[in-house]
Amino acid sequence: MSTALPPTIDPVAAARWQAQAPAASPWLHEEVARRMQDRLQWMAKPPQSWLDWEPVRGGLQAHALVAQRYPQAQSWVHEPQAQRAEAAHKALGKAWWSMERWAGKQPRFGLPAAGQEVDMLWANMQLHMAADPLALLAQWHKALAVDGFVMFSCLGPDTAHELRDAYQQAGWPAAGHSFTDMHDWGDMLVQSGFAEPVMDMERITLTFASPERLLQELRELGCNLHPQRFASLRGRQWRLDLHQLLDGALRLQEQDGQLALTFEVVYGHAYKPAPRVRAAGESSVPLDDMRAMLRQGRNTGLR
């Protein structure tokens, strides 16, 4: 098995984006989350608790869909940035006097403490903007209970290939940072302690009437985190040149003269297995792992 490398991302730019990303759920993120939610029908055991990792960017409508699918499950909401945490509270929290507050379990905000690990971690369209995806996967692994599973989506390497090719032909720096292939995500899941990763992907083609509308959509989705992106601000003439470039490279007659852009969406899920103890003359096992193995034995009827 190969050791996958993380995407080529400027960590300073990634941190700045995480701090300044708009407190809104892009349309494409909501659509991807809706499709990922359909994949929950494949999961045999419904979770009793689940954690939504940054739902403001991942999709607030999607959170409602998952909560509707699992009405008896306790949900958790993790939003590390203050602005988006406030937006999540406003969108998902219910006032004490609201009838909706008594209709089902209310979300808890923050990360579950030790001993409260969740059965499912839901992370929509997060990984491709992470400067250190292995560290993020480790956080997800820690938040899950044994036999719990992660359900995630992200953008794949074929995303916006039309734009990347146009930039390259113009002799400009990279149009965006690189995205990781789904097979490499599977390797990284195993490397992070997950088991039985299942990956698949699909391509979605979006069309736009004008370069201005296309660029607006891209700004809502994210930003260019490539270390060799344009190093300085560009002027009005460059913007005109960019619009002309997009008109010439992305406008297709078979798309009714619209500008077309491809998005490769990667979906994945994997389980957190029970910790293993290697046979040796003397073994050292963390106390939390031992407790998890004992709980696993009771759940399976072992003594």
Protein backbone atom coordinates (compact mmCIF):
# COMPACT_ATOMS: atom_id res chain seq x y z
CA MET A 1 0.00 0.00 0.00
CA SER A 2 1.40 3.39 -0.93
CA THR A 3 1.70 6.24 1.55
CA ALA A 4 -0.43 9.05 0.16
CA LEU A 5 0.87 12.60 0.24
CA PRO A 6 -1.38 15.49 1.28
CA PRO A 7 -2.49 18.00 -1.34
CA THR A 8 -0.15 20.84 -2.27
CA ILE A 9 -1.58 23.57 -0.05
CA ASP A 10 -0.12 26.72 1.47
CA PRO A 11 -0.81 26.21 5.21
CA VAL A 12 -0.88 29.96 5.96
CA ALA A 13 -3.42 30.57 3.21
CA ALA A 14 -5.45 27.57 4.39
CA ALA A 15 -5.58 28.90 7.96
CA ARG A 16 -6.61 32.33 6.67
CA TRP A 17 -9.38 30.76 4.61
CA GLN A 18 -10.64 28.76 7.58
CA ALA A 19 -10.83 31.95 9.63
CA GLN A 20 -12.47 34.05 6.92
CA ALA A 21 -14.67 31.61 4.97
CA PRO A 22 -18.21 32.94 4.55
CA ALA A 23 -20.80 31.77 7.06
CA ALA A 24 -22.97 30.30 4.33
CA SER A 25 -23.62 26.91 2.73
CA PRO A 26 -22.76 27.00 -1.00
CA TRP A 27 -25.35 25.53 -3.34
CA LEU A 28 -22.96 22.84 -4.60
CA HIS A 29 -22.14 21.76 -1.04
CA GLU A 30 -25.82 21.33 -0.27
CA GLU A 31 -26.35 19.32 -3.45
CA VAL A 32 -23.38 17.05 -2.71
CA ALA A 33 -24.63 16.59 0.87
CA ARG A 34 -28.07 15.63 -0.41
CA ARG A 35 -26.50 12.95 -2.60
CA MET A 36 -24.30 11.75 0.25
CA GLN A 37 -27.32 11.57 2.52
CA ASP A 38 -28.90 9.12 0.05
CA ARG A 39 -25.90 6.83 0.64
CA LEU A 40 -26.84 6.43 4.30
CA GLN A 41 -29.39 3.82 3.21
CA TRP A 42 -26.42 1.48 2.71
CA MET A 43 -25.51 1.63 6.40
CA ALA A 44 -27.06 -1.34 8.20
CA LYS A 45 -27.09 0.06 11.75
CA PRO A 46 -28.52 3.54 12.35
CA PRO A 47 -26.36 5.67 14.64
CA GLN A 48 -27.56 6.61 18.10
CA SER A 49 -25.40 9.74 18.00
CA TRP A 50 -23.65 11.66 15.25
CA LEU A 51 -21.33 14.63 14.83
CA ASP A 52 -21.70 17.19 12.03
CA TRP A 53 -18.25 18.59 11.26
CA GLU A 54 -18.57 22.26 10.27
CA PRO A 55 -22.12 22.20 8.88
CA VAL A 56 -22.29 25.91 8.05
CA ARG A 57 -19.96 25.39 5.11
CA GLY A 58 -20.87 21.72 4.69
CA GLY A 59 -24.61 22.34 4.45
CA LEU A 60 -27.21 23.44 6.99
CA GLN A 61 -30.03 21.97 4.89
CA ALA A 62 -28.07 18.70 4.86
CA HIS A 63 -27.93 18.71 8.65
CA ALA A 64 -31.71 18.87 8.70
CA LEU A 65 -31.94 15.97 6.25
CA VAL A 66 -29.70 13.74 8.36
CA ALA A 67 -31.53 14.74 11.55
CA GLN A 68 -34.81 13.84 9.85
CA ARG A 69 -33.41 10.43 8.87
CA TYR A 70 -32.27 9.75 12.44
CA PRO A 71 -34.82 11.60 14.64
CA GLN A 72 -33.95 9.61 17.79
CA ALA A 73 -30.20 10.14 17.46
CA GLN A 74 -28.36 12.77 19.46
CA SER A 75 -26.55 15.17 17.14
CA TRP A 76 -23.44 17.21 17.85
CA VAL A 77 -22.29 20.27 15.90
CA HIS A 78 -18.63 21.27 15.62
CA GLU A 79 -17.84 24.79 14.35
CA PRO A 80 -14.37 25.97 15.42
CA GLN A 81 -14.67 29.53 14.08
CA ALA A 82 -16.70 32.02 16.13
CA GLN A 83 -18.63 33.57 13.22
CA ARG A 84 -19.75 30.23 11.85
CA ALA A 85 -20.44 28.85 15.34
CA GLU A 86 -22.85 31.75 15.87
CA ALA A 87 -24.48 31.04 12.50
CA ALA A 88 -24.86 27.36 13.43
CA HIS A 89 -26.51 28.26 16.75
CA LYS A 90 -28.97 30.57 14.98
CA ALA A 91 -29.80 28.03 12.27
CA LEU A 92 -29.88 24.80 14.29
CA GLY A 93 -30.55 25.80 17.88
CA LYS A 94 -34.15 26.09 19.04
CA ALA A 95 -35.41 28.71 21.47
CA TRP A 96 -36.68 27.39 24.80
CA TRP A 97 -40.22 28.55 23.99
CA SER A 98 -40.31 26.96 20.50
CA MET A 99 -42.59 23.97 19.95
CA GLU A 100 -39.87 22.52 17.72
CA ARG A 101 -37.62 22.24 20.79
CA TRP A 102 -39.88 19.54 22.20
CA ALA A 103 -40.36 17.66 18.91
CA GLY A 104 -37.03 15.80 19.03
CA LYS A 105 -33.50 15.80 20.35
CA GLN A 106 -31.73 19.14 20.21
CA PRO A 107 -28.19 19.40 18.83
CA ARG A 108 -25.30 19.83 21.20
CA PHE A 109 -22.60 22.28 20.21
CA GLY A 110 -18.91 21.45 20.51
CA LEU A 111 -16.96 18.21 20.45
CA PRO A 112 -18.08 15.18 22.47
CA ALA A 113 -15.98 14.50 25.54
CA ALA A 114 -14.16 11.24 26.25
CA GLY A 115 -16.74 8.54 26.84
CA GLN A 116 -19.30 10.32 24.63
CA GLU A 117 -17.83 9.33 21.26
CA VAL A 118 -20.36 9.30 18.43
CA ASP A 119 -21.51 6.50 16.12
CA MET A 120 -21.26 8.59 12.93
CA LEU A 121 -19.14 11.55 11.91
CA TRP A 122 -20.57 13.52 8.98
CA ALA A 123 -18.10 15.75 7.10
CA ASN A 124 -19.24 17.26 3.82
CA MET A 125 -16.80 18.99 1.45
CA GLN A 126 -14.08 19.61 4.07
CA LEU A 127 -11.00 17.55 3.27
CA HIS A 128 -9.93 19.26 0.03
CA MET A 129 -9.41 22.57 1.91
CA ALA A 130 -7.35 21.03 4.74
CA ALA A 131 -3.62 21.80 4.82
CA ASP A 132 -3.00 18.67 6.93
CA PRO A 133 -5.65 16.09 6.04
CA LEU A 134 -4.01 13.34 8.12
CA ALA A 135 -4.35 15.50 11.23
CA LEU A 136 -8.01 16.11 10.38
CA LEU A 137 -8.64 12.38 9.88
CA ALA A 138 -7.01 11.76 13.27
CA GLN A 139 -9.49 14.18 14.87
CA TRP A 140 -12.38 12.36 13.23
CA HIS A 141 -11.04 9.00 14.40
CA LYS A 142 -10.77 10.28 17.98
CA ALA A 143 -14.37 11.57 17.98
CA LEU A 144 -15.80 8.21 16.85
CA ALA A 145 -16.79 5.30 19.03
CA VAL A 146 -15.55 1.81 18.20
CA ASP A 147 -17.61 0.46 15.27
CA GLY A 148 -18.67 4.01 14.44
CA PHE A 149 -18.17 5.28 10.91
CA VAL A 150 -17.14 8.43 9.11
CA MET A 151 -19.15 9.64 6.11
CA PHE A 152 -17.43 12.30 4.02
CA SER A 153 -17.16 13.98 0.63
CA CYS A 154 -14.61 16.24 -1.02
CA LEU A 155 -13.48 17.46 -4.43
CA GLY A 156 -11.31 15.18 -6.58
CA PRO A 157 -8.39 15.90 -8.94
CA ASP A 158 -10.49 16.28 -12.10
CA THR A 159 -12.27 19.30 -10.62
CA ALA A 160 -12.10 22.44 -12.80
CA HIS A 161 -9.70 20.79 -15.23
CA GLU A 162 -10.98 23.15 -17.95
CA LEU A 163 -9.89 26.16 -15.89
CA ARG A 164 -6.55 24.60 -14.98
CA ASP A 165 -5.80 23.83 -18.63
CA ALA A 166 -6.72 27.39 -19.66
CA TYR A 167 -4.39 28.89 -17.04
CA GLN A 168 -1.57 26.59 -18.15
CA GLN A 169 -2.02 27.50 -21.81
CA ALA A 170 -1.95 31.19 -20.89
CA GLY A 171 1.33 30.68 -19.02
CA TRP A 172 -0.22 31.73 -15.70
CA PRO A 173 0.45 30.17 -12.28
CA ALA A 174 -1.78 27.30 -11.16
CA ALA A 175 -5.51 28.07 -11.05
CA GLY A 176 -5.92 26.10 -7.83
CA HIS A 177 -4.22 23.74 -5.44
CA SER A 178 -4.20 20.03 -6.27
CA PHE A 179 -6.91 17.68 -5.03
CA THR A 180 -6.33 14.14 -3.82
CA ASP A 181 -7.39 11.02 -5.71
CA MET A 182 -9.99 8.81 -4.03
CA HIS A 183 -7.59 5.85 -3.87
CA ASP A 184 -5.11 7.97 -1.92
CA TRP A 185 -7.89 8.96 0.47
CA GLY A 186 -8.51 5.26 1.06
CA ASP A 187 -4.83 4.79 1.91
CA MET A 188 -4.88 7.74 4.30
CA LEU A 189 -7.99 6.42 6.05
CA VAL A 190 -6.21 3.13 6.77
CA GLN A 191 -3.07 5.02 7.82
CA SER A 192 -5.23 7.01 10.28
CA GLY A 193 -6.64 3.87 11.92
CA PHE A 194 -9.86 3.39 9.98
CA ALA A 195 -10.92 0.08 8.45
CA GLU A 196 -12.92 -1.09 5.42
CA PRO A 197 -12.81 2.20 3.50
CA VAL A 198 -15.28 2.39 0.62
CA MET A 199 -14.70 5.10 -2.00
CA ASP A 200 -16.56 6.19 -5.09
CA MET A 201 -16.84 9.32 -7.20
CA GLU A 202 -18.99 11.11 -9.72
CA ARG A 203 -18.55 14.11 -12.03
CA ILE A 204 -20.97 17.01 -12.01
CA THR A 205 -20.89 19.56 -14.84
CA LEU A 206 -22.14 23.04 -14.00
CA THR A 207 -22.87 25.64 -16.66
CA PHE A 208 -22.75 29.42 -16.37
CA ALA A 209 -24.06 32.19 -18.59
CA SER A 210 -21.06 34.48 -18.07
CA PRO A 211 -17.49 34.54 -16.73
CA GLU A 212 -18.68 36.82 -13.92
CA ARG A 213 -21.24 34.26 -12.72
CA LEU A 214 -18.70 31.42 -12.91
CA LEU A 215 -16.14 33.33 -10.85
CA GLN A 216 -18.78 34.26 -8.29
CA GLU A 217 -19.59 30.57 -7.83
CA LEU A 218 -15.93 29.67 -7.40
CA ARG A 219 -15.43 32.40 -4.78
CA GLU A 220 -18.35 30.96 -2.79
CA LEU A 221 -16.86 27.44 -2.94
CA GLY A 222 -13.35 28.25 -1.79
CA CYS A 223 -10.10 29.83 -2.91
CA ASN A 224 -6.75 29.01 -4.49
CA LEU A 225 -4.40 27.65 -1.80
CA HIS A 226 -1.56 26.67 -4.14
CA PRO A 227 1.86 27.87 -2.87
CA GLN A 228 2.77 29.05 -6.39
CA ARG A 229 -0.46 30.97 -7.05
CA PHE A 230 -0.28 34.60 -8.21
CA ALA A 231 1.91 36.34 -5.63
CA SER A 232 0.45 39.83 -6.00
CA LEU A 233 -2.78 41.62 -6.74
CA ARG A 234 -3.90 41.88 -10.34
CA GLY A 235 -5.51 44.86 -12.02
CA ARG A 236 -8.57 45.50 -14.13
CA GLN A 237 -6.82 44.57 -17.36
CA TRP A 238 -5.96 41.13 -15.99
CA ARG A 239 -9.62 40.63 -15.03
CA LEU A 240 -10.65 41.48 -18.57
CA ASP A 241 -8.03 39.06 -19.88
CA LEU A 242 -9.38 36.38 -17.52
CA HIS A 243 -12.96 36.90 -18.74
CA GLN A 244 -11.76 36.64 -22.33
CA LEU A 245 -9.80 33.48 -21.51
CA LEU A 246 -12.85 31.84 -19.90
CA ASP A 247 -15.06 32.83 -22.82
CA GLY A 248 -12.68 31.22 -25.28
CA ALA A 249 -11.80 28.06 -23.34
CA LEU A 250 -14.98 27.11 -21.46
CA ARG A 251 -17.89 28.19 -23.69
CA LEU A 252 -19.28 25.12 -25.45
CA GLN A 253 -21.85 24.96 -28.21
CA GLU A 254 -23.09 21.55 -26.97
CA GLN A 255 -23.94 23.29 -23.68
CA ASP A 256 -26.12 25.87 -25.45
CA GLY A 257 -23.23 28.31 -25.54
CA GLN A 258 -22.83 28.26 -21.76
CA LEU A 259 -19.50 28.08 -19.94
CA ALA A 260 -19.02 24.56 -18.58
CA LEU A 261 -16.96 23.51 -15.59
CA THR A 262 -16.47 19.98 -14.23
CA PHE A 263 -16.50 19.07 -10.54
CA GLU A 264 -15.26 15.64 -9.48
CA VAL A 265 -16.91 14.69 -6.19
CA VAL A 266 -15.35 11.95 -4.05
CA TYR A 267 -17.48 10.10 -1.48
CA GLY A 268 -16.13 7.83 1.21
CA HIS A 269 -16.94 6.03 4.41
CA ALA A 270 -14.92 3.86 6.79
CA TYR A 271 -15.27 2.29 10.22
CA LYS A 272 -13.31 2.70 13.43
CA PRO A 273 -12.29 -0.83 14.44
CA ALA A 274 -11.67 -2.09 17.95
CA PRO A 275 -8.04 -1.55 19.01
CA ARG A 276 -5.78 -4.51 18.53
CA VAL A 277 -3.25 -5.83 21.02
CA ARG A 278 -0.12 -7.27 19.48
CA ALA A 279 1.08 -10.56 20.98
CA ALA A 280 4.32 -10.08 22.88
CA GLY A 281 6.09 -11.19 26.03
CA GLU A 282 4.93 -7.95 27.63
CA SER A 283 2.24 -5.65 26.21
CA SER A 284 1.29 -2.09 27.10
CA VAL A 285 -2.27 -1.02 26.31
CA PRO A 286 -3.68 2.50 26.89
CA LEU A 287 -6.45 2.50 29.49
CA ASP A 288 -8.98 4.03 27.08
CA ASP A 289 -8.25 1.29 24.51
CA MET A 290 -8.67 -1.41 27.15
CA ARG A 291 -12.02 0.03 28.17
CA ALA A 292 -13.10 0.13 24.53
CA MET A 293 -12.15 -3.54 24.05
CA LEU A 294 -14.04 -4.53 27.20
CA ARG A 295 -17.13 -2.66 26.02
CA GLN A 296 -16.80 -4.36 22.63
CA GLY A 297 -16.69 -7.77 24.36
CA ARG A 298 -19.87 -7.06 26.32
CA ASN A 299 -21.67 -5.81 23.19
CA THR A 300 -20.86 -9.02 21.31
CA GLY A 301 -21.77 -11.32 24.19
CA LEU A 302 -18.15 -12.27 24.95
CA ARG A 303 -16.99 -12.79 28.55
